[in-house]
Amino acid sequence: MNIDRNLRTRTRLLLALPIAVAAFSLAACSSPAERPSSDDLSSGIQKILDDGGLGDQFNDEQVSCISDELIDSKISDQDLQNIADGKDVQTNQEAKDLVSKEMSEAVVTCAQG
């Protein structure tokens, strides 16, 4: 009886193994965010502005300029991808501070042009 119980436990473990391996493989395959294109970032910035009721504050040329400035900054690929997706979400407080600083500088630079 005890041998039968051990056999069933081993069988269950062996059946669960492919599921665990598949889950781990899928997690390992997810690639880190890549730096978005200027056009994608511009679209995301415009969406964030529109959602905040500020959509008419900058023209397309200015938004494109802001996008280029942010791409050239030290903002992480993931944080830029979040912006490109239209989400004003950063990975941590340090990233949030950096995005705020870089965005402010970009707005000043691009609003003058």
PDB file of N, CA and C in Angstrom:
ATOM      1  N   MET A   1       0.817  -1.193   0.000  1.00  0.00           N
ATOM      2  CA  MET A   1       0.000   0.000   0.000  1.00  0.00           C
ATOM      3  C   MET A   1       0.862   1.259   0.000  1.00  0.00           C
ATOM      4  N   ASN A   2       1.884   1.277   0.798  1.00  0.00           N
ATOM      5  CA  ASN A   2       2.785   2.417   0.862  1.00  0.00           C
ATOM      6  C   ASN A   2       3.532   2.596  -0.459  1.00  0.00           C
ATOM      7  N   ILE A   3       3.916   1.512  -1.109  1.00  0.00           N
ATOM      8  CA  ILE A   3       4.612   1.578  -2.394  1.00  0.00           C
ATOM      9  C   ILE A   3       3.701   2.185  -3.448  1.00  0.00           C
ATOM     10  N   ASP A   4       2.430   1.821  -3.427  1.00  0.00           N
ATOM     11  CA  ASP A   4       1.462   2.352  -4.377  1.00  0.00           C
ATOM     12  C   ASP A   4       1.310   3.864  -4.199  1.00  0.00           C
ATOM     13  N   ARG A   5       1.288   4.327  -2.960  1.00  0.00           N
ATOM     14  CA  ARG A   5       1.151   5.758  -2.679  1.00  0.00           C
ATOM     15  C   ARG A   5       2.371   6.518  -3.212  1.00  0.00           C
ATOM     16  N   ASN A   6       3.582   5.999  -3.008  1.00  0.00           N
ATOM     17  CA  ASN A   6       4.794   6.636  -3.518  1.00  0.00           C
ATOM     18  C   ASN A   6       4.789   6.683  -5.039  1.00  0.00           C
ATOM     19  N   LEU A   7       4.293   5.637  -5.668  1.00  0.00           N
ATOM     20  CA  LEU A   7       4.224   5.587  -7.122  1.00  0.00           C
ATOM     21  C   LEU A   7       3.277   6.658  -7.655  1.00  0.00           C
ATOM     22  N   ARG A   8       2.139   6.823  -6.992  1.00  0.00           N
ATOM     23  CA  ARG A   8       1.187   7.857  -7.420  1.00  0.00           C
ATOM     24  C   ARG A   8       1.780   9.252  -7.234  1.00  0.00           C
ATOM     25  N   THR A   9       2.498   9.470  -6.153  1.00  0.00           N
ATOM     26  CA  THR A   9       3.129  10.768  -5.924  1.00  0.00           C
ATOM     27  C   THR A   9       4.155  11.061  -7.007  1.00  0.00           C
ATOM     28  N   ARG A  10       4.977  10.087  -7.339  1.00  0.00           N
ATOM     29  CA  ARG A  10       5.972  10.272  -8.405  1.00  0.00           C
ATOM     30  C   ARG A  10       5.293  10.537  -9.737  1.00  0.00           C
ATOM     31  N   THR A  11       4.224   9.828 -10.011  1.00  0.00           N
ATOM     32  CA  THR A  11       3.500  10.019 -11.267  1.00  0.00           C
ATOM     33  C   THR A  11       2.949  11.435 -11.343  1.00  0.00           C
ATOM     34  N   ARG A  12       2.388  11.917 -10.264  1.00  0.00           N
ATOM     35  CA  ARG A  12       1.863  13.291 -10.243  1.00  0.00           C
ATOM     36  C   ARG A  12       2.979  14.303 -10.475  1.00  0.00           C
ATOM     37  N   LEU A  13       4.116  14.084  -9.844  1.00  0.00           N
ATOM     38  CA  LEU A  13       5.251  14.990 -10.038  1.00  0.00           C
ATOM     39  C   LEU A  13       5.715  14.977 -11.488  1.00  0.00           C
ATOM     40  N   LEU A  14       5.787  13.794 -12.071  1.00  0.00           N
ATOM     41  CA  LEU A  14       6.220  13.687 -13.467  1.00  0.00           C
ATOM     42  C   LEU A  14       5.218  14.335 -14.414  1.00  0.00           C
ATOM     43  N   LEU A  15       3.939  14.251 -14.093  1.00  0.00           N
ATOM     44  CA  LEU A  15       2.925  14.901 -14.923  1.00  0.00           C
ATOM     45  C   LEU A  15       2.981  16.424 -14.784  1.00  0.00           C
ATOM     46  N   ALA A  16       3.335  16.917 -13.617  1.00  0.00           N
ATOM     47  CA  ALA A  16       3.409  18.359 -13.384  1.00  0.00           C
ATOM     48  C   ALA A  16       4.672  18.974 -13.965  1.00  0.00           C
ATOM     49  N   LEU A  17       5.699  18.175 -14.157  1.00  0.00           N
ATOM     50  CA  LEU A  17       6.982  18.689 -14.629  1.00  0.00           C
ATOM     51  C   LEU A  17       6.885  19.405 -15.975  1.00  0.00           C
ATOM     52  N   PRO A  18       6.229  18.849 -16.998  1.00  0.00           N
ATOM     53  CA  PRO A  18       6.151  19.570 -18.275  1.00  0.00           C
ATOM     54  C   PRO A  18       5.444  20.916 -18.162  1.00  0.00           C
ATOM     55  N   ILE A  19       4.454  20.998 -17.288  1.00  0.00           N
ATOM     56  CA  ILE A  19       3.746  22.264 -17.100  1.00  0.00           C
ATOM     57  C   ILE A  19       4.684  23.304 -16.503  1.00  0.00           C
ATOM     58  N   ALA A  20       5.448  22.908 -15.499  1.00  0.00           N
ATOM     59  CA  ALA A  20       6.394  23.834 -14.870  1.00  0.00           C
ATOM     60  C   ALA A  20       7.471  24.266 -15.855  1.00  0.00           C
ATOM     61  N   VAL A  21       7.970  23.329 -16.639  1.00  0.00           N
ATOM     62  CA  VAL A  21       9.001  23.655 -17.628  1.00  0.00           C
ATOM     63  C   VAL A  21       8.447  24.613 -18.674  1.00  0.00           C
ATOM     64  N   ALA A  22       7.235  24.371 -19.135  1.00  0.00           N
ATOM     65  CA  ALA A  22       6.628  25.253 -20.136  1.00  0.00           C
ATOM     66  C   ALA A  22       6.441  26.661 -19.581  1.00  0.00           C
ATOM     67  N   ALA A  23       5.977  26.764 -18.347  1.00  0.00           N
ATOM     68  CA  ALA A  23       5.784  28.080 -17.737  1.00  0.00           C
ATOM     69  C   ALA A  23       7.103  28.819 -17.600  1.00  0.00           C
ATOM     70  N   PHE A  24       8.139  28.115 -17.171  1.00  0.00           N
ATOM     71  CA  PHE A  24       9.450  28.735 -17.027  1.00  0.00           C
ATOM     72  C   PHE A  24       9.992  29.159 -18.385  1.00  0.00           C
ATOM     73  N   SER A  25       9.806  28.339 -19.398  1.00  0.00           N
ATOM     74  CA  SER A  25      10.294  28.656 -20.741  1.00  0.00           C
ATOM     75  C   SER A  25       9.618  29.897 -21.288  1.00  0.00           C
ATOM     76  N   LEU A  26       8.322  29.997 -21.080  1.00  0.00           N
ATOM     77  CA  LEU A  26       7.609  31.173 -21.563  1.00  0.00           C
ATOM     78  C   LEU A  26       8.073  32.429 -20.846  1.00  0.00           C
ATOM     79  N   ALA A  27       8.325  32.326 -19.555  1.00  0.00           N
ATOM     80  CA  ALA A  27       8.812  33.482 -18.803  1.00  0.00           C
ATOM     81  C   ALA A  27      10.199  33.880 -19.270  1.00  0.00           C
ATOM     82  N   ALA A  28      11.033  32.918 -19.577  1.00  0.00           N
ATOM     83  CA  ALA A  28      12.393  33.203 -20.026  1.00  0.00           C
ATOM     84  C   ALA A  28      12.405  33.786 -21.427  1.00  0.00           C
ATOM     85  N   CYS A  29      11.401  33.472 -22.224  1.00  0.00           N
ATOM     86  CA  CYS A  29      11.359  33.946 -23.605  1.00  0.00           C
ATOM     87  C   CYS A  29      10.897  35.387 -23.715  1.00  0.00           C
ATOM     88  N   SER A  30      10.243  35.905 -22.700  1.00  0.00           N
ATOM     89  CA  SER A  30       9.771  37.272 -22.807  1.00  0.00           C
ATOM     90  C   SER A  30      10.974  38.202 -22.836  1.00  0.00           C
ATOM     91  N   SER A  31      11.060  38.955 -23.901  1.00  0.00           N
ATOM     92  CA  SER A  31      12.224  39.807 -24.083  1.00  0.00           C
ATOM     93  C   SER A  31      12.007  41.138 -23.380  1.00  0.00           C
ATOM     94  N   PRO A  32      13.091  41.764 -22.974  1.00  0.00           N
ATOM     95  CA  PRO A  32      12.959  43.071 -22.348  1.00  0.00           C
ATOM     96  C   PRO A  32      12.475  44.091 -23.376  1.00  0.00           C
ATOM     97  N   ALA A  33      11.913  45.162 -22.889  1.00  0.00           N
ATOM     98  CA  ALA A  33      11.400  46.192 -23.784  1.00  0.00           C
ATOM     99  C   ALA A  33      12.539  46.791 -24.596  1.00  0.00           C
ATOM    100  N   GLU A  34      12.239  47.071 -25.849  1.00  0.00           N
ATOM    101  CA  GLU A  34      13.205  47.760 -26.702  1.00  0.00           C
ATOM    102  C   GLU A  34      12.825  49.228 -26.746  1.00  0.00           C
ATOM    103  N   ARG A  35      13.783  50.060 -27.077  1.00  0.00           N
ATOM    104  CA  ARG A  35      13.519  51.481 -27.194  1.00  0.00           C
ATOM    105  C   ARG A  35      12.503  51.691 -28.314  1.00  0.00           C
ATOM    106  N   PRO A  36      11.424  52.400 -28.037  1.00  0.00           N
ATOM    107  CA  PRO A  36      10.406  52.608 -29.070  1.00  0.00           C
ATOM    108  C   PRO A  36      10.895  53.585 -30.136  1.00  0.00           C
ATOM    109  N   SER A  37      10.232  53.570 -31.267  1.00  0.00           N
ATOM    110  CA  SER A  37      10.562  54.523 -32.326  1.00  0.00           C
ATOM    111  C   SER A  37      10.054  55.904 -31.921  1.00  0.00           C
ATOM    112  N   SER A  38      10.554  56.914 -32.596  1.00  0.00           N
ATOM    113  CA  SER A  38      10.122  58.278 -32.320  1.00  0.00           C
ATOM    114  C   SER A  38       8.629  58.436 -32.603  1.00  0.00           C
ATOM    115  N   ASP A  39       8.153  57.815 -33.689  1.00  0.00           N
ATOM    116  CA  ASP A  39       6.726  57.907 -34.025  1.00  0.00           C
ATOM    117  C   ASP A  39       5.854  57.254 -32.955  1.00  0.00           C
ATOM    118  N   ASP A  40       6.276  56.080 -32.483  1.00  0.00           N
ATOM    119  CA  ASP A  40       5.509  55.395 -31.435  1.00  0.00           C
ATOM    120  C   ASP A  40       5.491  56.216 -30.152  1.00  0.00           C
ATOM    121  N   LEU A  41       6.641  56.779 -29.811  1.00  0.00           N
ATOM    122  CA  LEU A  41       6.727  57.589 -28.601  1.00  0.00           C
ATOM    123  C   LEU A  41       5.879  58.851 -28.741  1.00  0.00           C
ATOM    124  N   SER A  42       5.906  59.472 -29.913  1.00  0.00           N
ATOM    125  CA  SER A  42       5.081  60.663 -30.160  1.00  0.00           C
ATOM    126  C   SER A  42       3.601  60.352 -29.983  1.00  0.00           C
ATOM    127  N   SER A  43       3.172  59.216 -30.513  1.00  0.00           N
ATOM    128  CA  SER A  43       1.762  58.815 -30.377  1.00  0.00           C
ATOM    129  C   SER A  43       1.385  58.625 -28.914  1.00  0.00           C
ATOM    130  N   GLY A  44       2.266  57.991 -28.161  1.00  0.00           N
ATOM    131  CA  GLY A  44       2.003  57.780 -26.741  1.00  0.00           C
ATOM    132  C   GLY A  44       1.964  59.079 -25.960  1.00  0.00           C
ATOM    133  N   ILE A  45       2.890  59.978 -26.271  1.00  0.00           N
ATOM    134  CA  ILE A  45       2.909  61.290 -25.603  1.00  0.00           C
ATOM    135  C   ILE A  45       1.612  62.030 -25.903  1.00  0.00           C
ATOM    136  N   GLN A  46       1.188  62.005 -27.170  1.00  0.00           N
ATOM    137  CA  GLN A  46      -0.046  62.690 -27.554  1.00  0.00           C
ATOM    138  C   GLN A  46      -1.248  62.096 -26.826  1.00  0.00           C
ATOM    139  N   LYS A  47      -1.275  60.782 -26.670  1.00  0.00           N
ATOM    140  CA  LYS A  47      -2.376  60.126 -25.949  1.00  0.00           C
ATOM    141  C   LYS A  47      -2.390  60.566 -24.487  1.00  0.00           C
ATOM    142  N   ILE A  48      -1.215  60.604 -23.863  1.00  0.00           N
ATOM    143  CA  ILE A  48      -1.134  61.041 -22.460  1.00  0.00           C
ATOM    144  C   ILE A  48      -1.602  62.489 -22.335  1.00  0.00           C
ATOM    145  N   LEU A  49      -1.179  63.335 -23.271  1.00  0.00           N
ATOM    146  CA  LEU A  49      -1.617  64.735 -23.254  1.00  0.00           C
ATOM    147  C   LEU A  49      -3.128  64.836 -23.446  1.00  0.00           C
ATOM    148  N   ASP A  50      -3.664  64.088 -24.421  1.00  0.00           N
ATOM    149  CA  ASP A  50      -5.110  64.105 -24.672  1.00  0.00           C
ATOM    150  C   ASP A  50      -5.887  63.644 -23.448  1.00  0.00           C
ATOM    151  N   ASP A  51      -5.423  62.562 -22.827  1.00  0.00           N
ATOM    152  CA  ASP A  51      -6.098  62.029 -21.639  1.00  0.00           C
ATOM    153  C   ASP A  51      -6.084  63.031 -20.486  1.00  0.00           C
ATOM    154  N   GLY A  52      -5.049  63.871 -20.440  1.00  0.00           N
ATOM    155  CA  GLY A  52      -4.940  64.876 -19.385  1.00  0.00           C
ATOM    156  C   GLY A  52      -5.582  66.205 -19.753  1.00  0.00           C
ATOM    157  N   GLY A  53      -6.251  66.258 -20.907  1.00  0.00           N
ATOM    158  CA  GLY A  53      -6.899  67.489 -21.342  1.00  0.00           C
ATOM    159  C   GLY A  53      -5.934  68.527 -21.884  1.00  0.00           C
ATOM    160  N   LEU A  54      -4.720  68.103 -22.237  1.00  0.00           N
ATOM    161  CA  LEU A  54      -3.706  69.033 -22.732  1.00  0.00           C
ATOM    162  C   LEU A  54      -3.330  68.758 -24.187  1.00  0.00           C
ATOM    163  N   GLY A  55      -4.196  68.075 -24.904  1.00  0.00           N
ATOM    164  CA  GLY A  55      -3.887  67.651 -26.263  1.00  0.00           C
ATOM    165  C   GLY A  55      -3.608  68.770 -27.239  1.00  0.00           C
ATOM    166  N   ASP A  56      -4.149  69.959 -26.986  1.00  0.00           N
ATOM    167  CA  ASP A  56      -3.951  71.067 -27.924  1.00  0.00           C
ATOM    168  C   ASP A  56      -2.818  72.008 -27.507  1.00  0.00           C
ATOM    169  N   GLN A  57      -2.048  71.637 -26.509  1.00  0.00           N
ATOM    170  CA  GLN A  57      -0.972  72.500 -26.016  1.00  0.00           C
ATOM    171  C   GLN A  57       0.280  72.475 -26.892  1.00  0.00           C
ATOM    172  N   PHE A  58       0.481  71.367 -27.625  1.00  0.00           N
ATOM    173  CA  PHE A  58       1.676  71.217 -28.458  1.00  0.00           C
ATOM    174  C   PHE A  58       1.264  70.757 -29.847  1.00  0.00           C
ATOM    175  N   ASN A  59       1.951  71.297 -30.859  1.00  0.00           N
ATOM    176  CA  ASN A  59       1.675  70.831 -32.218  1.00  0.00           C
ATOM    177  C   ASN A  59       2.470  69.553 -32.498  1.00  0.00           C
ATOM    178  N   ASP A  60       2.213  68.946 -33.655  1.00  0.00           N
ATOM    179  CA  ASP A  60       2.863  67.672 -33.991  1.00  0.00           C
ATOM    180  C   ASP A  60       4.382  67.790 -34.019  1.00  0.00           C
ATOM    181  N   GLU A  61       4.884  68.905 -34.519  1.00  0.00           N
ATOM    182  CA  GLU A  61       6.334  69.114 -34.594  1.00  0.00           C
ATOM    183  C   GLU A  61       6.949  69.169 -33.196  1.00  0.00           C
ATOM    184  N   GLN A  62       6.279  69.838 -32.281  1.00  0.00           N
ATOM    185  CA  GLN A  62       6.776  69.929 -30.910  1.00  0.00           C
ATOM    186  C   GLN A  62       6.731  68.571 -30.207  1.00  0.00           C
ATOM    187  N   VAL A  63       5.663  67.813 -30.414  1.00  0.00           N
ATOM    188  CA  VAL A  63       5.562  66.483 -29.800  1.00  0.00           C
ATOM    189  C   VAL A  63       6.649  65.573 -30.350  1.00  0.00           C
ATOM    190  N   SER A  64       6.912  65.675 -31.645  1.00  0.00           N
ATOM    191  CA  SER A  64       7.982  64.880 -32.261  1.00  0.00           C
ATOM    192  C   SER A  64       9.341  65.270 -31.689  1.00  0.00           C
ATOM    193  N   CYS A  65       9.554  66.550 -31.482  1.00  0.00           N
ATOM    194  CA  CYS A  65      10.799  67.041 -30.891  1.00  0.00           C
ATOM    195  C   CYS A  65      10.954  66.508 -29.461  1.00  0.00           C
ATOM    196  N   ILE A  66       9.881  66.561 -28.687  1.00  0.00           N
ATOM    197  CA  ILE A  66       9.912  66.040 -27.313  1.00  0.00           C
ATOM    198  C   ILE A  66      10.246  64.555 -27.333  1.00  0.00           C
ATOM    199  N   SER A  67       9.631  63.844 -28.251  1.00  0.00           N
ATOM    200  CA  SER A  67       9.890  62.411 -28.394  1.00  0.00           C
ATOM    201  C   SER A  67      11.363  62.143 -28.676  1.00  0.00           C
ATOM    202  N   ASP A  68      11.939  62.892 -29.610  1.00  0.00           N
ATOM    203  CA  ASP A  68      13.359  62.718 -29.948  1.00  0.00           C
ATOM    204  C   ASP A  68      14.257  63.011 -28.749  1.00  0.00           C
ATOM    205  N   GLU A  69      13.917  64.044 -28.004  1.00  0.00           N
ATOM    206  CA  GLU A  69      14.700  64.394 -26.813  1.00  0.00           C
ATOM    207  C   GLU A  69      14.657  63.266 -25.777  1.00  0.00           C
ATOM    208  N   LEU A  70      13.481  62.683 -25.595  1.00  0.00           N
ATOM    209  CA  LEU A  70      13.350  61.598 -24.616  1.00  0.00           C
ATOM    210  C   LEU A  70      14.098  60.348 -25.066  1.00  0.00           C
ATOM    211  N   ILE A  71      14.063  60.058 -26.348  1.00  0.00           N
ATOM    212  CA  ILE A  71      14.784  58.888 -26.860  1.00  0.00           C
ATOM    213  C   ILE A  71      16.286  59.049 -26.642  1.00  0.00           C
ATOM    214  N   ASP A  72      16.780  60.266 -26.774  1.00  0.00           N
ATOM    215  CA  ASP A  72      18.211  60.530 -26.581  1.00  0.00           C
ATOM    216  C   ASP A  72      18.603  60.640 -25.108  1.00  0.00           C
ATOM    217  N   SER A  73      17.638  60.548 -24.214  1.00  0.00           N
ATOM    218  CA  SER A  73      17.911  60.699 -22.778  1.00  0.00           C
ATOM    219  C   SER A  73      18.329  59.366 -22.159  1.00  0.00           C
ATOM    220  N   LYS A  74      18.528  59.400 -20.846  1.00  0.00           N
ATOM    221  CA  LYS A  74      18.905  58.195 -20.095  1.00  0.00           C
ATOM    222  C   LYS A  74      17.693  57.435 -19.562  1.00  0.00           C
ATOM    223  N   ILE A  75      16.500  57.794 -20.005  1.00  0.00           N
ATOM    224  CA  ILE A  75      15.288  57.088 -19.580  1.00  0.00           C
ATOM    225  C   ILE A  75      15.364  55.656 -20.093  1.00  0.00           C
ATOM    226  N   SER A  76      15.009  54.706 -19.246  1.00  0.00           N
ATOM    227  CA  SER A  76      15.109  53.290 -19.609  1.00  0.00           C
ATOM    228  C   SER A  76      14.169  52.940 -20.762  1.00  0.00           C
ATOM    229  N   ASP A  77      14.525  51.878 -21.465  1.00  0.00           N
ATOM    230  CA  ASP A  77      13.696  51.396 -22.568  1.00  0.00           C
ATOM    231  C   ASP A  77      12.291  51.060 -22.081  1.00  0.00           C
ATOM    232  N   GLN A  78      12.187  50.430 -20.915  1.00  0.00           N
ATOM    233  CA  GLN A  78      10.872  50.044 -20.393  1.00  0.00           C
ATOM    234  C   GLN A  78      10.014  51.264 -20.093  1.00  0.00           C
ATOM    235  N   ASP A  79      10.601  52.288 -19.487  1.00  0.00           N
ATOM    236  CA  ASP A  79       9.829  53.486 -19.176  1.00  0.00           C
ATOM    237  C   ASP A  79       9.415  54.220 -20.449  1.00  0.00           C
ATOM    238  N   LEU A  80      10.297  54.244 -21.451  1.00  0.00           N
ATOM    239  CA  LEU A  80       9.924  54.848 -22.734  1.00  0.00           C
ATOM    240  C   LEU A  80       8.822  54.037 -23.407  1.00  0.00           C
ATOM    241  N   GLN A  81       8.899  52.714 -23.314  1.00  0.00           N
ATOM    242  CA  GLN A  81       7.861  51.874 -23.917  1.00  0.00           C
ATOM    243  C   GLN A  81       6.517  52.105 -23.240  1.00  0.00           C
ATOM    244  N   ASN A  82       6.525  52.299 -21.922  1.00  0.00           N
ATOM    245  CA  ASN A  82       5.279  52.613 -21.217  1.00  0.00           C
ATOM    246  C   ASN A  82       4.675  53.904 -21.754  1.00  0.00           C
ATOM    247  N   ILE A  83       5.513  54.912 -21.967  1.00  0.00           N
ATOM    248  CA  ILE A  83       5.033  56.182 -22.512  1.00  0.00           C
ATOM    249  C   ILE A  83       4.505  55.963 -23.926  1.00  0.00           C
ATOM    250  N   ALA A  84       5.230  55.213 -24.741  1.00  0.00           N
ATOM    251  CA  ALA A  84       4.793  54.925 -26.113  1.00  0.00           C
ATOM    252  C   ALA A  84       3.447  54.205 -26.121  1.00  0.00           C
ATOM    253  N   ASP A  85       3.188  53.422 -25.085  1.00  0.00           N
ATOM    254  CA  ASP A  85       1.906  52.719 -24.961  1.00  0.00           C
ATOM    255  C   ASP A  85       0.804  53.632 -24.417  1.00  0.00           C
ATOM    256  N   GLY A  86       1.145  54.901 -24.175  1.00  0.00           N
ATOM    257  CA  GLY A  86       0.163  55.851 -23.678  1.00  0.00           C
ATOM    258  C   GLY A  86      -0.071  55.762 -22.184  1.00  0.00           C
ATOM    259  N   LYS A  87       0.890  55.159 -21.476  1.00  0.00           N
ATOM    260  CA  LYS A  87       0.761  54.992 -20.023  1.00  0.00           C
ATOM    261  C   LYS A  87       1.808  55.852 -19.321  1.00  0.00           C
ATOM    262  N   ASP A  88       1.353  56.704 -18.448  1.00  0.00           N
ATOM    263  CA  ASP A  88       2.268  57.528 -17.655  1.00  0.00           C
ATOM    264  C   ASP A  88       2.629  56.749 -16.394  1.00  0.00           C
ATOM    265  N   VAL A  89       3.367  55.653 -16.602  1.00  0.00           N
ATOM    266  CA  VAL A  89       3.743  54.738 -15.523  1.00  0.00           C
ATOM    267  C   VAL A  89       5.235  54.473 -15.632  1.00  0.00           C
ATOM    268  N   GLN A  90       5.949  54.630 -14.520  1.00  0.00           N
ATOM    269  CA  GLN A  90       7.379  54.358 -14.515  1.00  0.00           C
ATOM    270  C   GLN A  90       7.679  53.169 -13.611  1.00  0.00           C
ATOM    271  N   THR A  91       8.866  52.612 -13.797  1.00  0.00           N
ATOM    272  CA  THR A  91       9.237  51.392 -13.089  1.00  0.00           C
ATOM    273  C   THR A  91       9.512  51.615 -11.606  1.00  0.00           C
ATOM    274  N   ASN A  92       9.921  52.820 -11.220  1.00  0.00           N
ATOM    275  CA  ASN A  92      10.175  53.117  -9.805  1.00  0.00           C
ATOM    276  C   ASN A  92      10.228  54.633  -9.618  1.00  0.00           C
ATOM    277  N   GLN A  93      10.411  55.067  -8.393  1.00  0.00           N
ATOM    278  CA  GLN A  93      10.399  56.505  -8.103  1.00  0.00           C
ATOM    279  C   GLN A  93      11.557  57.230  -8.775  1.00  0.00           C
ATOM    280  N   GLU A  94      12.724  56.613  -8.799  1.00  0.00           N
ATOM    281  CA  GLU A  94      13.881  57.225  -9.459  1.00  0.00           C
ATOM    282  C   GLU A  94      13.590  57.436 -10.947  1.00  0.00           C
ATOM    283  N   ALA A  95      12.968  56.453 -11.566  1.00  0.00           N
ATOM    284  CA  ALA A  95      12.608  56.565 -12.984  1.00  0.00           C
ATOM    285  C   ALA A  95      11.564  57.662 -13.181  1.00  0.00           C
ATOM    286  N   LYS A  96      10.618  57.753 -12.268  1.00  0.00           N
ATOM    287  CA  LYS A  96       9.586  58.791 -12.352  1.00  0.00           C
ATOM    288  C   LYS A  96      10.219  60.176 -12.281  1.00  0.00           C
ATOM    289  N   ASP A  97      11.170  60.346 -11.369  1.00  0.00           N
ATOM    290  CA  ASP A  97      11.867  61.626 -11.247  1.00  0.00           C
ATOM    291  C   ASP A  97      12.646  61.950 -12.519  1.00  0.00           C
ATOM    292  N   LEU A  98      13.302  60.945 -13.086  1.00  0.00           N
ATOM    293  CA  LEU A  98      14.075  61.148 -14.309  1.00  0.00           C
ATOM    294  C   LEU A  98      13.163  61.516 -15.476  1.00  0.00           C
ATOM    295  N   VAL A  99      12.039  60.827 -15.612  1.00  0.00           N
ATOM    296  CA  VAL A  99      11.095  61.137 -16.694  1.00  0.00           C
ATOM    297  C   VAL A  99      10.580  62.565 -16.537  1.00  0.00           C
ATOM    298  N   SER A 100      10.240  62.961 -15.320  1.00  0.00           N
ATOM    299  CA  SER A 100       9.752  64.328 -15.078  1.00  0.00           C
ATOM    300  C   SER A 100      10.801  65.363 -15.457  1.00  0.00           C
ATOM    301  N   LYS A 101      12.036  65.122 -15.049  1.00  0.00           N
ATOM    302  CA  LYS A 101      13.135  66.047 -15.349  1.00  0.00           C
ATOM    303  C   LYS A 101      13.370  66.138 -16.853  1.00  0.00           C
ATOM    304  N   GLU A 102      13.487  64.986 -17.499  1.00  0.00           N
ATOM    305  CA  GLU A 102      13.766  64.969 -18.939  1.00  0.00           C
ATOM    306  C   GLU A 102      12.602  65.556 -19.737  1.00  0.00           C
ATOM    307  N   MET A 103      11.379  65.273 -19.316  1.00  0.00           N
ATOM    308  CA  MET A 103      10.207  65.811 -20.008  1.00  0.00           C
ATOM    309  C   MET A 103      10.174  67.330 -19.885  1.00  0.00           C
ATOM    310  N   SER A 104      10.453  67.848 -18.695  1.00  0.00           N
ATOM    311  CA  SER A 104      10.467  69.301 -18.493  1.00  0.00           C
ATOM    312  C   SER A 104      11.508  69.969 -19.375  1.00  0.00           C
ATOM    313  N   GLU A 105      12.706  69.387 -19.417  1.00  0.00           N
ATOM    314  CA  GLU A 105      13.767  69.944 -20.259  1.00  0.00           C
ATOM    315  C   GLU A 105      13.397  69.862 -21.736  1.00  0.00           C
ATOM    316  N   ALA A 106      12.785  68.757 -22.142  1.00  0.00           N
ATOM    317  CA  ALA A 106      12.394  68.587 -23.544  1.00  0.00           C
ATOM    318  C   ALA A 106      11.316  69.597 -23.934  1.00  0.00           C
ATOM    319  N   VAL A 107      10.373  69.838 -23.044  1.00  0.00           N
ATOM    320  CA  VAL A 107       9.308  70.802 -23.332  1.00  0.00           C
ATOM    321  C   VAL A 107       9.896  72.195 -23.519  1.00  0.00           C
ATOM    322  N   VAL A 108      10.823  72.583 -22.652  1.00  0.00           N
ATOM    323  CA  VAL A 108      11.456  73.900 -22.773  1.00  0.00           C
ATOM    324  C   VAL A 108      12.217  73.997 -24.095  1.00  0.00           C
ATOM    325  N   THR A 109      12.997  72.973 -24.412  1.00  0.00           N
ATOM    326  CA  THR A 109      13.777  72.960 -25.651  1.00  0.00           C
ATOM    327  C   THR A 109      12.871  73.009 -26.874  1.00  0.00           C
ATOM    328  N   CYS A 110      11.832  72.214 -26.882  1.00  0.00           N
ATOM    329  CA  CYS A 110      10.997  72.058 -28.074  1.00  0.00           C
ATOM    330  C   CYS A 110       9.949  73.157 -28.219  1.00  0.00           C
ATOM    331  N   ALA A 111       9.556  73.783 -27.136  1.00  0.00           N
ATOM    332  CA  ALA A 111       8.572  74.860 -27.217  1.00  0.00           C
ATOM    333  C   ALA A 111       9.184  76.120 -27.812  1.00  0.00           C
ATOM    334  N   GLN A 112      10.506  76.251 -27.691  1.00  0.00           N
ATOM    335  CA  GLN A 112      11.192  77.425 -28.232  1.00  0.00           C
ATOM    336  C   GLN A 112      11.349  77.339 -29.747  1.00  0.00           C
ATOM    337  N   GLY A 113      11.352  76.099 -30.278  1.00  0.00           N
ATOM    338  CA  GLY A 113      11.615  75.892 -31.700  1.00  0.00           C
ATOM    339  C   GLY A 113      10.467  76.116 -32.596  1.00  0.00           C
TER     340      GLY A 113
END
